[in-house]
C-alpha atoms as a PDB file:
ATOM      1  CA  MET A   1     101.406  99.581 129.891  1.00  0.00           C
ATOM      2  CA  ALA A   2      97.695  99.205 130.246  1.00  0.00           C
ATOM      3  CA  ARG A   3      95.628  95.652 130.704  1.00  0.00           C
ATOM      4  CA  LEU A   4      92.964  95.332 129.440  1.00  0.00           C
ATOM      5  CA  VAL A   5      89.845  93.617 131.204  1.00  0.00           C
ATOM      6  CA  PHE A   6      86.410  92.761 131.276  1.00  0.00           C
ATOM      7  CA  VAL A   7      83.553  93.446 133.847  1.00  0.00           C
ATOM      8  CA  THR A   8      80.243  91.427 134.442  1.00  0.00           C
ATOM      9  CA  PHE A   9      77.819  92.019 137.126  1.00  0.00           C
ATOM     10  CA  ASP A  10      74.499  92.616 138.533  1.00  0.00           C
ATOM     11  CA  LEU A  11      72.893  94.309 141.368  1.00  0.00           C
ATOM     12  CA  THR A  12      70.311  93.009 144.145  1.00  0.00           C
ATOM     13  CA  MET A  13      67.077  93.649 143.664  1.00  0.00           C
ATOM     14  CA  GLU A  14      66.737  96.103 146.478  1.00  0.00           C
ATOM     15  CA  ASN A  15      69.003  98.289 144.538  1.00  0.00           C
ATOM     16  CA  GLN A  16      68.910  99.193 140.840  1.00  0.00           C
ATOM     17  CA  ASP A  17      70.969 101.810 140.847  1.00  0.00           C
ATOM     18  CA  TYR A  18      72.563 101.121 137.092  1.00  0.00           C
ATOM     19  CA  LYS A  19      73.082 104.559 136.070  1.00  0.00           C
ATOM     20  CA  THR A  20      75.055 105.156 139.346  1.00  0.00           C
ATOM     21  CA  ALA A  21      76.701 102.043 138.838  1.00  0.00           C
ATOM     22  CA  TYR A  22      77.651 102.867 134.960  1.00  0.00           C
ATOM     23  CA  GLN A  23      78.940 106.194 136.245  1.00  0.00           C
ATOM     24  CA  LEU A  24      81.573 104.706 138.859  1.00  0.00           C
ATOM     25  CA  LEU A  25      83.124 102.013 136.309  1.00  0.00           C
ATOM     26  CA  GLY A  26      83.610 104.859 133.588  1.00  0.00           C
ATOM     27  CA  LYS A  27      85.861 107.345 136.087  1.00  0.00           C
ATOM     28  CA  MET A  28      87.812 103.939 136.320  1.00  0.00           C
ATOM     29  CA  GLY A  29      88.166 103.692 132.463  1.00  0.00           C
ATOM     30  CA  LEU A  30      85.697 100.721 132.083  1.00  0.00           C
ATOM     31  CA  TYR A  31      82.773 101.666 129.249  1.00  0.00           C
ATOM     32  CA  VAL A  32      79.869  99.343 127.645  1.00  0.00           C
ATOM     33  CA  LYS A  33      81.444  99.223 124.461  1.00  0.00           C
ATOM     34  CA  GLU A  34      85.097  97.270 123.686  1.00  0.00           C
ATOM     35  CA  PRO A  35      88.075  99.614 123.664  1.00  0.00           C
ATOM     36  CA  GLU A  36      87.668 100.222 119.335  1.00  0.00           C
ATOM     37  CA  GLY A  37      83.983 101.390 120.211  1.00  0.00           C
ATOM     38  CA  LYS A  38      83.161  99.227 117.240  1.00  0.00           C
ATOM     39  CA  ILE A  39      80.996  96.647 119.462  1.00  0.00           C
ATOM     40  CA  ALA A  40      78.352  97.579 122.223  1.00  0.00           C
ATOM     41  CA  LEU A  41      78.720  95.115 125.109  1.00  0.00           C
ATOM     42  CA  PRO A  42      75.956  92.744 126.386  1.00  0.00           C
ATOM     43  CA  ASN A  43      74.406  94.427 129.808  1.00  0.00           C
ATOM     44  CA  THR A  44      75.724  94.944 132.848  1.00  0.00           C
ATOM     45  CA  SER A  45      79.219  94.441 131.027  1.00  0.00           C
ATOM     46  CA  VAL A  46      81.738  97.179 130.537  1.00  0.00           C
ATOM     47  CA  MET A  47      85.545  97.030 129.253  1.00  0.00           C
ATOM     48  CA  GLY A  48      88.417  98.984 129.441  1.00  0.00           C
ATOM     49  CA  ARG A  49      92.055  99.641 130.456  1.00  0.00           C
ATOM     50  CA  VAL A  50      93.576  99.675 133.799  1.00  0.00           C
ATOM     51  CA  PRO A  51      97.221 100.179 135.026  1.00  0.00           C
ATOM     52  CA  ASP A  52      99.743  96.728 134.110  1.00  0.00           C
ATOM     53  CA  GLY A  53     100.036  96.057 137.822  1.00  0.00           C
ATOM     54  CA  TRP A  54      96.087  95.555 138.714  1.00  0.00           C
ATOM     55  CA  SER A  55      94.973  91.849 139.112  1.00  0.00           C
ATOM     56  CA  ALA A  56      91.409  90.604 138.452  1.00  0.00           C
ATOM     57  CA  ASP A  57      91.099  90.790 142.520  1.00  0.00           C
ATOM     58  CA  PHE A  58      92.558  93.777 143.194  1.00  0.00           C
ATOM     59  CA  LEU A  59      89.744  94.978 140.149  1.00  0.00           C
ATOM     60  CA  ARG A  60      86.676  93.489 142.110  1.00  0.00           C
ATOM     61  CA  GLN A  61      87.868  94.497 145.327  1.00  0.00           C
ATOM     62  CA  ARG A  62      88.298  98.322 144.132  1.00  0.00           C
ATOM     63  CA  ILE A  63      84.743  98.333 142.132  1.00  0.00           C
ATOM     64  CA  THR A  64      83.103  96.738 145.270  1.00  0.00           C
ATOM     65  CA  ASP A  65      84.655  99.548 147.332  1.00  0.00           C
ATOM     66  CA  GLN A  66      83.408 102.218 145.195  1.00  0.00           C
ATOM     67  CA  PHE A  67      80.062 100.630 144.839  1.00  0.00           C
ATOM     68  CA  ARG A  68      79.498  99.739 148.116  1.00  0.00           C
ATOM     69  CA  ALA A  69      80.819 103.635 149.161  1.00  0.00           C
ATOM     70  CA  ALA A  70      78.164 105.249 146.869  1.00  0.00           C
ATOM     71  CA  GLY A  71      75.330 102.737 148.427  1.00  0.00           C
ATOM     72  CA  VAL A  72      75.219 100.674 144.793  1.00  0.00           C
ATOM     73  CA  ASN A  73      74.833  96.546 146.067  1.00  0.00           C
ATOM     74  CA  LEU A  74      76.025  94.285 143.973  1.00  0.00           C
ATOM     75  CA  SER A  75      74.835  90.273 143.416  1.00  0.00           C
ATOM     76  CA  GLN A  76      77.297  89.487 141.407  1.00  0.00           C
ATOM     77  CA  ILE A  77      80.573  90.743 139.834  1.00  0.00           C
ATOM     78  CA  PHE A  78      83.447  89.131 137.448  1.00  0.00           C
ATOM     79  CA  CYS A  79      86.376  90.242 136.278  1.00  0.00           C
ATOM     80  CA  ALA A  80      88.678  89.194 134.247  1.00  0.00           C
ATOM     81  CA  VAL A  81      92.196  90.677 133.010  1.00  0.00           C
ATOM     82  CA  VAL A  82      92.281  89.312 129.447  1.00  0.00           C
ATOM     83  CA  SER A  83      95.639  89.242 126.258  1.00  0.00           C
ATOM     84  CA  ASP A  84      93.333  89.066 123.709  1.00  0.00           C
ATOM     85  CA  TYR A  85      89.620  89.145 122.274  1.00  0.00           C
ATOM     86  CA  ALA A  86      86.992  88.879 119.653  1.00  0.00           C
ATOM     87  CA  GLY A  87      83.702  90.321 118.956  1.00  0.00           C
ATOM     88  CA  MET A  88      80.853  91.084 116.160  1.00  0.00           C
ATOM     89  CA  GLY A  89      78.325  93.214 116.788  1.00  0.00           C
ATOM     90  CA  LYS A  90      77.663  96.906 116.297  1.00  0.00           C
ATOM     91  CA  ALA A  91      78.003 100.071 118.418  1.00  0.00           C
ATOM     92  CA  GLU A  92      74.874 101.030 119.334  1.00  0.00           C
END
């Protein structure tokens, strides 16, 4: 069973390659809309589903490793494994 996750991040001033960052996250199943596709998330936030055994620490390390390998430098990252969510907005 997949687990729902939420990630928000910032890149360093020296490397603002958000296009590559979102491509890497998309390959992991993390997107800029919540899983139902009804609400667009705030900038530099993604949601998606990961395998059941993944922890927030494991997800953070995996993202950090993939960004580093692609030359994308994080300044901050926050990962959460969630059991429920609610939102309001549009899927722009």
